[in-house]
Protein backbone atom coordinates (compact mmCIF):
# COMPACT_ATOMS: atom_id res chain seq x y z
CA MET A 1 44.29 52.94 30.20
CA ALA A 2 48.00 53.46 28.93
CA PRO A 3 49.31 56.96 27.65
CA ARG A 4 49.10 57.30 23.73
CA ILE A 5 52.44 58.67 21.97
CA GLU A 6 51.91 61.10 19.54
CA ASN A 7 54.41 63.27 17.44
CA ILE A 8 54.22 66.68 17.20
CA PHE A 9 55.72 66.67 13.86
CA ALA A 10 52.92 64.61 12.51
CA ASP A 11 50.12 65.19 9.77
CA LEU A 12 51.51 68.75 8.88
CA PRO A 13 49.05 70.68 6.92
CA ARG A 14 50.35 71.77 3.51
CA SER A 15 48.63 75.06 2.38
CA LEU A 16 50.75 78.06 2.10
CA GLY A 17 50.34 81.18 3.38
CA ARG A 18 48.01 79.89 6.07
CA GLU A 19 48.44 79.22 9.65
CA GLN A 20 46.97 76.17 11.19
CA THR A 21 46.34 75.24 15.13
CA LEU A 22 45.89 72.12 16.92
CA ALA A 23 44.87 71.85 20.56
CA LEU A 24 47.17 69.06 22.14
CA PHE A 25 46.11 69.87 25.85
CA GLU A 26 44.01 72.39 27.62
CA ASN A 27 42.42 72.71 31.12
CA GLU A 28 40.95 75.49 33.12
CA ALA A 29 44.59 76.62 33.62
CA VAL A 30 46.21 76.04 30.37
CA LYS A 31 46.11 75.35 26.95
CA ILE A 32 49.02 74.01 24.67
CA GLU A 33 48.70 74.04 20.89
CA ARG A 34 50.73 73.54 17.73
CA ILE A 35 50.94 76.42 15.42
CA VAL A 36 52.15 75.65 11.59
CA SER A 37 52.76 78.41 9.93
CA GLN A 38 53.51 78.74 6.17
CA ARG A 39 54.61 81.62 4.42
CA PHE A 40 52.40 83.75 6.90
CA ASN A 41 52.05 87.28 7.97
CA SER A 42 48.89 88.80 9.78
CA PRO A 43 46.91 91.11 7.80
CA ALA A 44 48.00 94.58 7.39
CA GLY A 45 46.65 96.71 10.39
CA PHE A 46 45.59 93.40 12.97
CA TRP A 47 47.13 92.70 16.03
CA TYR A 48 46.43 89.80 18.66
CA ASP A 49 45.47 91.27 21.63
CA GLN A 50 45.20 88.13 24.12
CA SER A 51 43.78 87.80 27.77
CA GLU A 52 46.01 85.65 28.42
CA ASP A 53 50.30 85.00 29.31
CA GLU A 54 51.53 83.49 26.05
CA TRP A 55 54.90 81.31 26.09
CA VAL A 56 56.13 80.49 22.58
CA ILE A 57 59.24 78.28 21.06
CA VAL A 58 59.79 77.96 17.64
CA LEU A 59 60.56 74.09 16.97
CA ARG A 60 61.15 74.32 13.24
CA GLY A 61 61.76 77.38 10.46
CA ARG A 62 61.77 80.82 11.20
CA ALA A 63 59.75 83.65 12.33
CA THR A 64 59.47 87.61 12.56
CA LEU A 65 57.33 88.68 15.15
CA GLU A 66 56.29 92.84 15.38
CA PHE A 67 55.15 94.37 18.88
CA GLU A 68 52.44 97.43 18.67
CA GLU A 69 55.36 99.28 20.98
CA GLY A 70 57.84 99.26 17.49
CA GLU A 71 60.11 96.12 18.71
CA THR A 72 61.01 93.28 16.00
CA ILE A 73 62.04 90.40 16.78
CA GLU A 74 63.52 87.40 14.61
CA MET A 75 63.05 83.59 16.08
CA LYS A 76 64.65 80.46 15.02
CA PRO A 77 64.47 76.81 16.10
CA GLY A 78 64.87 76.65 19.99
CA ASP A 79 64.14 80.78 20.76
CA HIS A 80 61.30 81.13 22.97
CA VAL A 81 59.53 84.21 24.29
CA THR A 82 56.61 85.27 27.07
CA ILE A 83 54.26 87.73 25.69
CA ARG A 84 52.54 89.16 28.36
CA ARG A 85 48.52 89.47 28.38
CA HIS A 86 47.24 92.74 26.26
CA VAL A 87 50.63 93.13 24.95
CA LYS A 88 49.86 93.78 21.35
CA HIS A 89 52.09 92.21 18.45
CA ARG A 90 51.49 90.18 15.05
CA VAL A 91 53.76 87.79 12.56
CA LEU A 92 55.48 89.78 10.03
CA GLU A 93 56.61 86.65 8.21
CA THR A 94 57.56 83.13 8.66
CA ASP A 95 59.42 80.60 6.72
CA ALA A 96 57.52 78.15 4.22
CA GLU A 97 57.03 75.85 7.41
CA THR A 98 57.52 77.33 10.94
CA ILE A 99 56.05 74.90 13.69
CA TRP A 100 56.03 76.52 17.02
CA LEU A 101 54.59 75.24 20.51
CA ALA A 102 52.42 78.05 22.51
CA VAL A 103 51.25 77.92 25.72
CA ASN A 104 48.54 80.15 27.02
CA ILE A 105 47.76 80.84 30.86
CA LYS A 106 44.86 81.11 31.75
CA THR A 107 44.09 83.70 34.62
CA PRO A 108 41.16 83.50 36.64
């Protein structure tokens, strides 16, 4: 069976103020997701605390991430960052349509 070509920008959601993830590939070692954020921000007091290392890149739009230790980073298309497991972080804000690619590295 031939591979099927898909487009990361196809079938984008249209709900403002939300974030939607779509798993593109997953196995026992890695998970790759498309994340679409639409004027999204994490709820007050909420922190992501993931058990896996995560590498994310902004493909379209802009985003501001905040880390519990006080650092804030601005991301634009092409910018990418590795977030080590258990480094608490949150999304302060995104553009009207920010598209990310996230790669989560699972550890045994």
